[in-house]
């Protein structure tokens, strides 16, 4: 597998949809995660990220223009002890609540499937970062329709133990723009990660398609102490 440039991956795709990035800083000291959302409809574009405790949530930028909150209003990021959960939907709550009951990440997602938004049947993508006693690992999941058919759900989980410094993975909902939107295929993309939180945030935001990007969240977590920094960028201000 070839390591990819996150900048080139995002710049070459006008509509990857929603995406999760997880990795490790070049000096190995920091766990990195990011989540972005894009939109084609007025309803999808009428959103911002706001902080909510240790996590974030989406909310309507202009409540009067919100036509359907289902599938677009949710908490993408929640923190459960030493675990940070990042997803593209309300499965964040499913993972949080069931891991709190001692189920695993994968077991929690067995309770969910792709989104009911035919004909796209948007995949549910999820990630979890686990930091404990100076060690770090993460996992990513995608729940997708069976080659576009809603009659079956294909479930994939990818786990990364002791990830290498300067490396990460990207998973997103759609391969590209289209009608219907084609679901992401294959393993999460192996990408290079570098820079401090502000330079990385700027690189991601500037690489997303100008017409379709909506919001971006980036977090850097110190692996030794668990302290973190967060950046949020909203197109609607």
C-alpha atoms as a PDB file:
ATOM      1  CA  UNK A   1       0.000   0.000   0.000  1.00  0.00           C
ATOM      2  CA  UNK A   2       1.305   3.440  -0.917  1.00  0.00           C
ATOM      3  CA  UNK A   3       1.300   6.243   1.645  1.00  0.00           C
ATOM      4  CA  UNK A   4      -0.836   9.087   0.305  1.00  0.00           C
ATOM      5  CA  UNK A   5      -0.767  12.849   0.696  1.00  0.00           C
ATOM      6  CA  UNK A   6      -3.879  13.950   2.590  1.00  0.00           C
ATOM      7  CA  UNK A   7      -3.715  17.273   0.752  1.00  0.00           C
ATOM      8  CA  UNK A   8      -3.767  15.600  -2.669  1.00  0.00           C
ATOM      9  CA  UNK A   9      -6.465  13.128  -1.632  1.00  0.00           C
ATOM     10  CA  UNK A  10      -8.842  15.893  -0.587  1.00  0.00           C
ATOM     11  CA  UNK A  11      -8.017  18.284  -3.400  1.00  0.00           C
ATOM     12  CA  UNK A  12      -8.644  15.606  -6.026  1.00  0.00           C
ATOM     13  CA  UNK A  13     -12.131  14.736  -4.738  1.00  0.00           C
ATOM     14  CA  UNK A  14     -14.857  17.383  -4.949  1.00  0.00           C
ATOM     15  CA  UNK A  15     -17.230  15.370  -2.771  1.00  0.00           C
ATOM     16  CA  UNK A  16     -15.865  12.753  -0.343  1.00  0.00           C
ATOM     17  CA  UNK A  17     -18.868  13.564   1.880  1.00  0.00           C
ATOM     18  CA  UNK A  18     -18.005  13.217   5.554  1.00  0.00           C
ATOM     19  CA  UNK A  19     -14.557  12.060   6.613  1.00  0.00           C
ATOM     20  CA  UNK A  20     -12.578  10.883   9.640  1.00  0.00           C
ATOM     21  CA  UNK A  21      -8.812  11.127  10.009  1.00  0.00           C
ATOM     22  CA  UNK A  22      -6.882   9.446  12.848  1.00  0.00           C
ATOM     23  CA  UNK A  23      -3.125   9.263  13.219  1.00  0.00           C
ATOM     24  CA  UNK A  24      -0.003  10.148  15.182  1.00  0.00           C
ATOM     25  CA  UNK A  25       2.181  13.236  15.075  1.00  0.00           C
ATOM     26  CA  UNK A  26       5.620  13.152  13.474  1.00  0.00           C
ATOM     27  CA  UNK A  27       7.340  13.329  16.873  1.00  0.00           C
ATOM     28  CA  UNK A  28       5.190  10.444  18.127  1.00  0.00           C
ATOM     29  CA  UNK A  29       3.929  12.378  21.158  1.00  0.00           C
ATOM     30  CA  UNK A  30       0.447  13.315  19.980  1.00  0.00           C
ATOM     31  CA  UNK A  31      -2.674  11.443  18.884  1.00  0.00           C
ATOM     32  CA  UNK A  32      -4.447  13.273  16.067  1.00  0.00           C
ATOM     33  CA  UNK A  33      -8.014  13.113  14.881  1.00  0.00           C
ATOM     34  CA  UNK A  34     -10.130  15.200  12.531  1.00  0.00           C
ATOM     35  CA  UNK A  35     -13.681  15.116  11.238  1.00  0.00           C
ATOM     36  CA  UNK A  36     -15.123  17.088   8.334  1.00  0.00           C
ATOM     37  CA  UNK A  37     -18.577  17.437   6.840  1.00  0.00           C
ATOM     38  CA  UNK A  38     -19.602  18.555   3.365  1.00  0.00           C
ATOM     39  CA  UNK A  39     -22.976  19.246   1.807  1.00  0.00           C
ATOM     40  CA  UNK A  40     -24.730  19.595  -1.534  1.00  0.00           C
ATOM     41  CA  UNK A  41     -28.226  20.574  -0.344  1.00  0.00           C
ATOM     42  CA  UNK A  42     -29.190  23.787   1.460  1.00  0.00           C
ATOM     43  CA  UNK A  43     -30.210  21.729   4.501  1.00  0.00           C
ATOM     44  CA  UNK A  44     -26.814  20.000   4.702  1.00  0.00           C
ATOM     45  CA  UNK A  45     -24.897  23.231   4.205  1.00  0.00           C
ATOM     46  CA  UNK A  46     -26.881  25.050   6.900  1.00  0.00           C
ATOM     47  CA  UNK A  47     -24.749  23.630   9.736  1.00  0.00           C
ATOM     48  CA  UNK A  48     -21.936  24.471  12.098  1.00  0.00           C
ATOM     49  CA  UNK A  49     -19.875  22.589  14.690  1.00  0.00           C
ATOM     50  CA  UNK A  50     -20.086  23.776  18.299  1.00  0.00           C
ATOM     51  CA  UNK A  51     -18.285  22.498  21.388  1.00  0.00           C
ATOM     52  CA  UNK A  52     -20.345  20.327  23.721  1.00  0.00           C
ATOM     53  CA  UNK A  53     -18.454  19.381  26.876  1.00  0.00           C
ATOM     54  CA  UNK A  54     -15.383  17.408  25.806  1.00  0.00           C
ATOM     55  CA  UNK A  55     -16.975  16.690  22.426  1.00  0.00           C
ATOM     56  CA  UNK A  56     -18.799  18.593  19.708  1.00  0.00           C
ATOM     57  CA  UNK A  57     -22.222  18.604  18.097  1.00  0.00           C
ATOM     58  CA  UNK A  58     -23.732  19.910  14.899  1.00  0.00           C
ATOM     59  CA  UNK A  59     -26.427  22.553  14.943  1.00  0.00           C
ATOM     60  CA  UNK A  60     -28.296  24.596  12.367  1.00  0.00           C
ATOM     61  CA  UNK A  61     -26.567  27.862  11.467  1.00  0.00           C
ATOM     62  CA  UNK A  62     -29.966  29.394  10.650  1.00  0.00           C
ATOM     63  CA  UNK A  63     -32.703  27.483  12.551  1.00  0.00           C
ATOM     64  CA  UNK A  64     -35.398  29.005  10.325  1.00  0.00           C
ATOM     65  CA  UNK A  65     -33.896  27.281   7.264  1.00  0.00           C
ATOM     66  CA  UNK A  66     -33.640  23.832   8.882  1.00  0.00           C
ATOM     67  CA  UNK A  67     -36.054  21.503   7.082  1.00  0.00           C
ATOM     68  CA  UNK A  68     -35.105  18.027   8.370  1.00  0.00           C
ATOM     69  CA  UNK A  69     -32.823  17.463  11.383  1.00  0.00           C
ATOM     70  CA  UNK A  70     -32.616  13.683  10.932  1.00  0.00           C
ATOM     71  CA  UNK A  71     -29.172  12.472   9.842  1.00  0.00           C
ATOM     72  CA  UNK A  72     -27.604  15.947  10.006  1.00  0.00           C
ATOM     73  CA  UNK A  73     -27.979  16.995  13.681  1.00  0.00           C
ATOM     74  CA  UNK A  74     -25.918  14.772  16.003  1.00  0.00           C
ATOM     75  CA  UNK A  75     -22.831  14.638  18.228  1.00  0.00           C
ATOM     76  CA  UNK A  76     -19.871  13.634  16.027  1.00  0.00           C
ATOM     77  CA  UNK A  77     -17.387  13.549  18.933  1.00  0.00           C
ATOM     78  CA  UNK A  78     -17.772  12.278  22.504  1.00  0.00           C
ATOM     79  CA  UNK A  79     -15.203  11.322  25.128  1.00  0.00           C
ATOM     80  CA  UNK A  80     -15.588   8.261  27.382  1.00  0.00           C
ATOM     81  CA  UNK A  81     -12.754   8.192  29.911  1.00  0.00           C
ATOM     82  CA  UNK A  82      -9.556   7.623  27.916  1.00  0.00           C
ATOM     83  CA  UNK A  83     -11.455   6.946  24.677  1.00  0.00           C
ATOM     84  CA  UNK A  84     -12.377   9.526  22.048  1.00  0.00           C
ATOM     85  CA  UNK A  85     -15.228   8.528  19.726  1.00  0.00           C
ATOM     86  CA  UNK A  86     -15.617  10.171  16.307  1.00  0.00           C
ATOM     87  CA  UNK A  87     -18.428   9.285  13.889  1.00  0.00           C
ATOM     88  CA  UNK A  88     -20.593  10.684  11.099  1.00  0.00           C
ATOM     89  CA  UNK A  89     -23.933  10.207  12.845  1.00  0.00           C
ATOM     90  CA  UNK A  90     -25.853   9.413  16.006  1.00  0.00           C
ATOM     91  CA  UNK A  91     -24.004   6.096  16.280  1.00  0.00           C
ATOM     92  CA  UNK A  92     -21.618   8.170  18.422  1.00  0.00           C
ATOM     93  CA  UNK A  93     -24.204   7.814  21.184  1.00  0.00           C
ATOM     94  CA  UNK A  94     -24.658   4.081  20.493  1.00  0.00           C
ATOM     95  CA  UNK A  95     -20.907   3.494  20.856  1.00  0.00           C
ATOM     96  CA  UNK A  96     -20.635   5.699  23.952  1.00  0.00           C
ATOM     97  CA  UNK A  97     -23.591   4.147  25.773  1.00  0.00           C
ATOM     98  CA  UNK A  98     -22.700   0.529  25.007  1.00  0.00           C
ATOM     99  CA  UNK A  99     -18.962   0.810  25.631  1.00  0.00           C
ATOM    100  CA  UNK A 100     -19.937   2.324  28.970  1.00  0.00           C
ATOM    101  CA  UNK A 101     -21.722  -1.015  29.539  1.00  0.00           C
ATOM    102  CA  UNK A 102     -18.515  -2.913  28.685  1.00  0.00           C
ATOM    103  CA  UNK A 103     -19.381  -3.802  25.090  1.00  0.00           C
ATOM    104  CA  UNK A 104     -16.585  -3.376  22.540  1.00  0.00           C
ATOM    105  CA  UNK A 105     -16.482  -0.815  19.745  1.00  0.00           C
ATOM    106  CA  UNK A 106     -17.354  -3.497  17.201  1.00  0.00           C
ATOM    107  CA  UNK A 107     -20.115  -5.038  19.332  1.00  0.00           C
ATOM    108  CA  UNK A 108     -21.715  -1.617  19.820  1.00  0.00           C
ATOM    109  CA  UNK A 109     -21.824  -1.041  16.058  1.00  0.00           C
ATOM    110  CA  UNK A 110     -23.572  -4.384  15.529  1.00  0.00           C
ATOM    111  CA  UNK A 111     -26.668  -2.517  16.727  1.00  0.00           C
ATOM    112  CA  UNK A 112     -26.510  -0.114  13.764  1.00  0.00           C
ATOM    113  CA  UNK A 113     -26.297  -0.166   9.976  1.00  0.00           C
ATOM    114  CA  UNK A 114     -25.946   2.304   7.076  1.00  0.00           C
ATOM    115  CA  UNK A 115     -28.171   5.384   6.923  1.00  0.00           C
ATOM    116  CA  UNK A 116     -31.758   4.994   5.587  1.00  0.00           C
ATOM    117  CA  UNK A 117     -31.313   7.622   2.864  1.00  0.00           C
ATOM    118  CA  UNK A 118     -31.890   5.593  -0.307  1.00  0.00           C
ATOM    119  CA  UNK A 119     -30.740   5.510  -3.018  1.00  0.00           C
ATOM    120  CA  UNK A 120     -27.414   6.620  -1.478  1.00  0.00           C
ATOM    121  CA  UNK A 121     -27.583   4.470   1.676  1.00  0.00           C
ATOM    122  CA  UNK A 122     -24.766   6.540   3.121  1.00  0.00           C
ATOM    123  CA  UNK A 123     -22.234   4.454   5.077  1.00  0.00           C
ATOM    124  CA  UNK A 124     -21.841   5.007   8.784  1.00  0.00           C
ATOM    125  CA  UNK A 125     -18.164   5.627   9.453  1.00  0.00           C
ATOM    126  CA  UNK A 126     -16.771   5.583  12.981  1.00  0.00           C
ATOM    127  CA  UNK A 127     -13.437   5.857  14.746  1.00  0.00           C
ATOM    128  CA  UNK A 128     -12.152   5.423  18.276  1.00  0.00           C
ATOM    129  CA  UNK A 129      -8.866   6.525  19.853  1.00  0.00           C
ATOM    130  CA  UNK A 130      -7.682   4.735  23.010  1.00  0.00           C
ATOM    131  CA  UNK A 131      -4.887   6.224  25.106  1.00  0.00           C
ATOM    132  CA  UNK A 132      -3.715   4.485  28.278  1.00  0.00           C
ATOM    133  CA  UNK A 133      -0.477   4.643  30.287  1.00  0.00           C
ATOM    134  CA  UNK A 134       1.405   6.271  27.453  1.00  0.00           C
ATOM    135  CA  UNK A 135       0.238   3.755  24.826  1.00  0.00           C
ATOM    136  CA  UNK A 136      -2.004   4.575  21.891  1.00  0.00           C
ATOM    137  CA  UNK A 137      -4.129   2.606  19.450  1.00  0.00           C
ATOM    138  CA  UNK A 138      -7.123   3.323  17.291  1.00  0.00           C
ATOM    139  CA  UNK A 139      -9.768   1.633  15.171  1.00  0.00           C
ATOM    140  CA  UNK A 140     -12.027   2.606  12.286  1.00  0.00           C
ATOM    141  CA  UNK A 141     -15.296   1.106  11.093  1.00  0.00           C
ATOM    142  CA  UNK A 142     -17.586   1.362   8.090  1.00  0.00           C
ATOM    143  CA  UNK A 143     -21.126  -0.012   7.852  1.00  0.00           C
ATOM    144  CA  UNK A 144     -22.313   0.034   4.248  1.00  0.00           C
ATOM    145  CA  UNK A 145     -25.049  -1.368   2.048  1.00  0.00           C
ATOM    146  CA  UNK A 146     -24.372  -4.560   0.147  1.00  0.00           C
ATOM    147  CA  UNK A 147     -23.179  -3.053  -3.143  1.00  0.00           C
ATOM    148  CA  UNK A 148     -25.988  -0.505  -3.069  1.00  0.00           C
ATOM    149  CA  UNK A 149     -28.693  -2.919  -1.936  1.00  0.00           C
ATOM    150  CA  UNK A 150     -30.411  -2.104   1.374  1.00  0.00           C
ATOM    151  CA  UNK A 151     -31.178  -5.805   1.928  1.00  0.00           C
ATOM    152  CA  UNK A 152     -27.769  -6.461   3.460  1.00  0.00           C
ATOM    153  CA  UNK A 153     -25.220  -4.608   5.584  1.00  0.00           C
ATOM    154  CA  UNK A 154     -21.474  -5.118   5.122  1.00  0.00           C
ATOM    155  CA  UNK A 155     -19.444  -4.445   8.277  1.00  0.00           C
ATOM    156  CA  UNK A 156     -15.715  -3.726   8.329  1.00  0.00           C
ATOM    157  CA  UNK A 157     -13.471  -2.823  11.270  1.00  0.00           C
ATOM    158  CA  UNK A 158      -9.798  -1.873  10.978  1.00  0.00           C
ATOM    159  CA  UNK A 159      -7.630  -1.779  14.116  1.00  0.00           C
ATOM    160  CA  UNK A 160      -4.233  -0.086  14.384  1.00  0.00           C
ATOM    161  CA  UNK A 161      -2.015  -0.902  17.383  1.00  0.00           C
ATOM    162  CA  UNK A 162       0.944   1.301  18.263  1.00  0.00           C
ATOM    163  CA  UNK A 163       0.580   3.447  15.120  1.00  0.00           C
ATOM    164  CA  UNK A 164       3.802   4.803  13.654  1.00  0.00           C
ATOM    165  CA  UNK A 165       4.767   8.445  14.051  1.00  0.00           C
ATOM    166  CA  UNK A 166       3.863  10.701  11.139  1.00  0.00           C
ATOM    167  CA  UNK A 167       1.247   8.306   9.800  1.00  0.00           C
ATOM    168  CA  UNK A 168      -2.529   8.035   9.897  1.00  0.00           C
ATOM    169  CA  UNK A 169      -5.637   6.855   8.084  1.00  0.00           C
ATOM    170  CA  UNK A 170      -8.519   8.546   6.302  1.00  0.00           C
ATOM    171  CA  UNK A 171     -11.972   7.091   5.727  1.00  0.00           C
ATOM    172  CA  UNK A 172     -14.869   8.947   4.116  1.00  0.00           C
ATOM    173  CA  UNK A 173     -18.430   8.195   3.112  1.00  0.00           C
ATOM    174  CA  UNK A 174     -18.329   8.526  -0.693  1.00  0.00           C
ATOM    175  CA  UNK A 175     -15.817   7.621  -3.354  1.00  0.00           C
ATOM    176  CA  UNK A 176     -16.746  10.786  -5.258  1.00  0.00           C
ATOM    177  CA  UNK A 177     -19.733  12.849  -6.385  1.00  0.00           C
ATOM    178  CA  UNK A 178     -22.492  11.044  -8.298  1.00  0.00           C
ATOM    179  CA  UNK A 179     -26.145  10.073  -8.548  1.00  0.00           C
ATOM    180  CA  UNK A 180     -26.541   8.003  -6.452  1.00  0.00           C
ATOM    181  CA  UNK A 181     -23.436   8.740  -4.395  1.00  0.00           C
ATOM    182  CA  UNK A 182     -21.020   5.753  -4.557  1.00  0.00           C
ATOM    183  CA  UNK A 183     -19.990   4.395  -1.141  1.00  0.00           C
ATOM    184  CA  UNK A 184     -16.368   4.367   0.012  1.00  0.00           C
ATOM    185  CA  UNK A 185     -14.522   1.190  -0.975  1.00  0.00           C
ATOM    186  CA  UNK A 186     -11.555  -0.688   0.469  1.00  0.00           C
ATOM    187  CA  UNK A 187      -9.392  -0.069   3.519  1.00  0.00           C
ATOM    188  CA  UNK A 188      -8.966   3.353   5.103  1.00  0.00           C
ATOM    189  CA  UNK A 189      -6.387   5.324   3.141  1.00  0.00           C
ATOM    190  CA  UNK A 190      -2.857   5.349   4.578  1.00  0.00           C
ATOM    191  CA  UNK A 191      -1.768   8.982   4.818  1.00  0.00           C
ATOM    192  CA  UNK A 192       1.128  11.077   6.057  1.00  0.00           C
ATOM    193  CA  UNK A 193       0.513  13.392   9.019  1.00  0.00           C
ATOM    194  CA  UNK A 194       2.670  16.379   9.922  1.00  0.00           C
ATOM    195  CA  UNK A 195       2.637  19.857  11.405  1.00  0.00           C
ATOM    196  CA  UNK A 196       1.190  21.432  14.528  1.00  0.00           C
ATOM    197  CA  UNK A 197      -2.555  21.687  15.074  1.00  0.00           C
ATOM    198  CA  UNK A 198      -2.925  25.053  13.358  1.00  0.00           C
ATOM    199  CA  UNK A 199      -0.957  24.136  10.233  1.00  0.00           C
ATOM    200  CA  UNK A 200      -2.728  20.769   9.940  1.00  0.00           C
ATOM    201  CA  UNK A 201      -6.141  22.405  10.387  1.00  0.00           C
ATOM    202  CA  UNK A 202      -5.296  24.952   7.709  1.00  0.00           C
ATOM    203  CA  UNK A 203      -4.047  22.271   5.331  1.00  0.00           C
ATOM    204  CA  UNK A 204      -7.229  20.217   5.695  1.00  0.00           C
ATOM    205  CA  UNK A 205      -9.623  23.162   5.416  1.00  0.00           C
ATOM    206  CA  UNK A 206      -7.872  24.619   2.378  1.00  0.00           C
ATOM    207  CA  UNK A 207      -7.809  21.207   0.667  1.00  0.00           C
ATOM    208  CA  UNK A 208     -11.568  20.617   0.927  1.00  0.00           C
ATOM    209  CA  UNK A 209     -13.715  21.692  -2.022  1.00  0.00           C
ATOM    210  CA  UNK A 210     -14.675  25.333  -1.563  1.00  0.00           C
ATOM    211  CA  UNK A 211     -18.286  24.915  -2.726  1.00  0.00           C
ATOM    212  CA  UNK A 212     -19.072  21.784  -0.714  1.00  0.00           C
ATOM    213  CA  UNK A 213     -17.145  22.075   2.564  1.00  0.00           C
ATOM    214  CA  UNK A 214     -19.187  22.948   5.648  1.00  0.00           C
ATOM    215  CA  UNK A 215     -17.280  22.326   8.908  1.00  0.00           C
ATOM    216  CA  UNK A 216     -14.032  20.862  10.241  1.00  0.00           C
ATOM    217  CA  UNK A 217     -12.969  19.611  13.689  1.00  0.00           C
ATOM    218  CA  UNK A 218      -9.342  18.828  14.604  1.00  0.00           C
ATOM    219  CA  UNK A 219      -7.998  17.572  17.937  1.00  0.00           C
ATOM    220  CA  UNK A 220      -4.422  16.909  19.110  1.00  0.00           C
ATOM    221  CA  UNK A 221      -4.164  14.766  22.282  1.00  0.00           C
ATOM    222  CA  UNK A 222      -0.955  14.452  24.300  1.00  0.00           C
ATOM    223  CA  UNK A 223      -0.387  10.696  24.656  1.00  0.00           C
ATOM    224  CA  UNK A 224       1.427  10.996  28.003  1.00  0.00           C
ATOM    225  CA  UNK A 225      -0.949  13.380  29.777  1.00  0.00           C
ATOM    226  CA  UNK A 226      -4.250  13.112  27.903  1.00  0.00           C
ATOM    227  CA  UNK A 227      -4.523  16.889  27.608  1.00  0.00           C
ATOM    228  CA  UNK A 228      -5.794  18.125  24.267  1.00  0.00           C
ATOM    229  CA  UNK A 229      -6.173  21.085  21.951  1.00  0.00           C
ATOM    230  CA  UNK A 230      -9.148  21.516  19.616  1.00  0.00           C
ATOM    231  CA  UNK A 231      -9.787  23.602  16.528  1.00  0.00           C
ATOM    232  CA  UNK A 232     -13.170  24.124  14.826  1.00  0.00           C
ATOM    233  CA  UNK A 233     -13.643  25.816  11.467  1.00  0.00           C
ATOM    234  CA  UNK A 234     -17.120  26.634  10.128  1.00  0.00           C
ATOM    235  CA  UNK A 235     -17.856  28.020   6.682  1.00  0.00           C
ATOM    236  CA  UNK A 236     -20.969  29.637   8.139  1.00  0.00           C
ATOM    237  CA  UNK A 237     -19.853  32.283  10.646  1.00  0.00           C
END
